[in-house]
C-alpha atoms as a PDB file:
ATOM      1  CA  MET A   1     -34.673 -23.690 -24.798  1.00  0.00           C
ATOM      2  CA  LEU A   2     -30.972 -24.386 -25.172  1.00  0.00           C
ATOM      3  CA  LEU A   3     -30.425 -20.743 -26.081  1.00  0.00           C
ATOM      4  CA  TRP A   4     -32.074 -19.599 -22.816  1.00  0.00           C
ATOM      5  CA  ILE A   5     -29.899 -21.957 -20.788  1.00  0.00           C
ATOM      6  CA  LEU A   6     -26.815 -20.683 -22.579  1.00  0.00           C
ATOM      7  CA  LEU A   7     -27.800 -17.027 -21.980  1.00  0.00           C
ATOM      8  CA  LEU A   8     -28.541 -17.761 -18.319  1.00  0.00           C
ATOM      9  CA  GLY A   9     -25.148 -19.432 -17.963  1.00  0.00           C
ATOM     10  CA  LEU A  10     -23.419 -16.466 -19.554  1.00  0.00           C
ATOM     11  CA  ALA A  11     -25.278 -14.059 -17.280  1.00  0.00           C
ATOM     12  CA  ILE A  12     -24.323 -16.044 -14.174  1.00  0.00           C
ATOM     13  CA  GLY A  13     -20.714 -16.176 -15.342  1.00  0.00           C
ATOM     14  CA  LEU A  14     -20.663 -12.431 -15.910  1.00  0.00           C
ATOM     15  CA  VAL A  15     -22.115 -11.742 -12.461  1.00  0.00           C
ATOM     16  CA  LEU A  16     -19.533 -14.031 -10.835  1.00  0.00           C
ATOM     17  CA  LEU A  17     -16.738 -12.342 -12.755  1.00  0.00           C
ATOM     18  CA  LEU A  18     -17.896  -8.881 -11.660  1.00  0.00           C
ATOM     19  CA  VAL A  19     -18.206  -9.976  -8.025  1.00  0.00           C
ATOM     20  CA  HIS A  20     -14.717 -11.477  -8.120  1.00  0.00           C
ATOM     21  CA  GLN A  21     -13.310  -8.333  -9.742  1.00  0.00           C
ATOM     22  CA  GLY A  22     -14.927  -6.143  -7.068  1.00  0.00           C
ATOM     23  CA  ARG A  23     -13.436  -8.249  -4.308  1.00  0.00           C
ATOM     24  CA  THR A  24     -10.047  -8.098  -5.941  1.00  0.00           C
ATOM     25  CA  GLN A  25     -10.297  -4.304  -6.240  1.00  0.00           C
ATOM     26  CA  GLY A  26     -11.179  -4.135  -2.543  1.00  0.00           C
ATOM     27  CA  GLU A  27      -8.110  -6.208  -1.709  1.00  0.00           C
ATOM     28  CA  ILE A  28      -5.964  -3.903  -3.842  1.00  0.00           C
ATOM     29  CA  ASP A  29      -7.409  -0.835  -2.093  1.00  0.00           C
ATOM     30  CA  ASP A  30      -6.653  -2.378   1.317  1.00  0.00           C
ATOM     31  CA  ARG A  31      -3.082  -3.166   0.295  1.00  0.00           C
ATOM     32  CA  VAL A  32      -2.579   0.366  -1.049  1.00  0.00           C
ATOM     33  CA  GLN A  33      -3.743   1.786   2.293  1.00  0.00           C
ATOM     34  CA  GLU A  34      -1.365  -0.525   4.158  1.00  0.00           C
ATOM     35  CA  LEU A  35       1.523   0.538   1.930  1.00  0.00           C
ATOM     36  CA  GLU A  36       0.678   4.226   2.373  1.00  0.00           C
ATOM     37  CA  ALA A  37       0.696   3.794   6.162  1.00  0.00           C
ATOM     38  CA  GLU A  38       4.017   1.940   5.999  1.00  0.00           C
ATOM     39  CA  ASN A  39       5.420   4.673   3.751  1.00  0.00           C
ATOM     40  CA  ARG A  40       4.417   7.338   6.290  1.00  0.00           C
ATOM     41  CA  ARG A  41       6.115   5.380   9.101  1.00  0.00           C
ATOM     42  CA  LEU A  42       9.281   4.976   7.034  1.00  0.00           C
ATOM     43  CA  CYS A  43       9.318   8.698   6.187  1.00  0.00           C
ATOM     44  CA  GLU A  44       9.048   9.500   9.896  1.00  0.00           C
ATOM     45  CA  ARG A  45      11.950   7.162  10.636  1.00  0.00           C
ATOM     46  CA  VAL A  46      14.066   8.766   7.907  1.00  0.00           C
ATOM     47  CA  ASN A  47      13.289  12.242   9.266  1.00  0.00           C
ATOM     48  CA  THR A  48      14.221  11.122  12.773  1.00  0.00           C
ATOM     49  CA  LEU A  49      17.493   9.603  11.551  1.00  0.00           C
ATOM     50  CA  GLU A  50      18.302  12.760   9.591  1.00  0.00           C
ATOM     51  CA  LYS A  51      17.734  14.864  12.719  1.00  0.00           C
ATOM     52  CA  LEU A  52      19.933  12.561  14.785  1.00  0.00           C
ATOM     53  CA  LEU A  53      22.670  12.684  12.156  1.00  0.00           C
ATOM     54  CA  LEU A  54      22.473  16.479  12.039  1.00  0.00           C
ATOM     55  CA  GLU A  55      22.804  16.662  15.823  1.00  0.00           C
ATOM     56  CA  LYS A  56      25.772  14.320  15.666  1.00  0.00           C
ATOM     57  CA  GLU A  57      27.413  16.473  12.996  1.00  0.00           C
ATOM     58  CA  LYS A  58      26.783  19.622  15.062  1.00  0.00           C
ATOM     59  CA  SER A  59      28.571  18.160  18.062  1.00  0.00           C
ATOM     60  CA  ARG A  60      31.478  16.856  16.002  1.00  0.00           C
ATOM     61  CA  PRO A  61      33.637  20.013  16.062  1.00  0.00           C
ATOM     62  CA  PHE A  62      33.419  20.049  19.864  1.00  0.00           C
ATOM     63  CA  GLU A  63      34.537  16.440  20.037  1.00  0.00           C
ATOM     64  CA  GLU A  64      37.568  17.245  17.880  1.00  0.00           C
ATOM     65  CA  LEU A  65      38.581  20.082  20.243  1.00  0.00           C
ATOM     66  CA  GLU A  66      38.845  17.799  23.242  1.00  0.00           C
END
């Protein structure tokens, strides 16, 4: 009888561990998606800043002529 109780306890513990691990994996997946979205926004900002800098550099020779 004690063996059955022990096996049942181990089974319940294993199920709880797997459920917790699945939830943790879901949280990790959500965080990865958030970071990917943030990375895309930052890349867009960098591209915009590079374009602005290029435009500034293009107009520089004209500013020096004045």
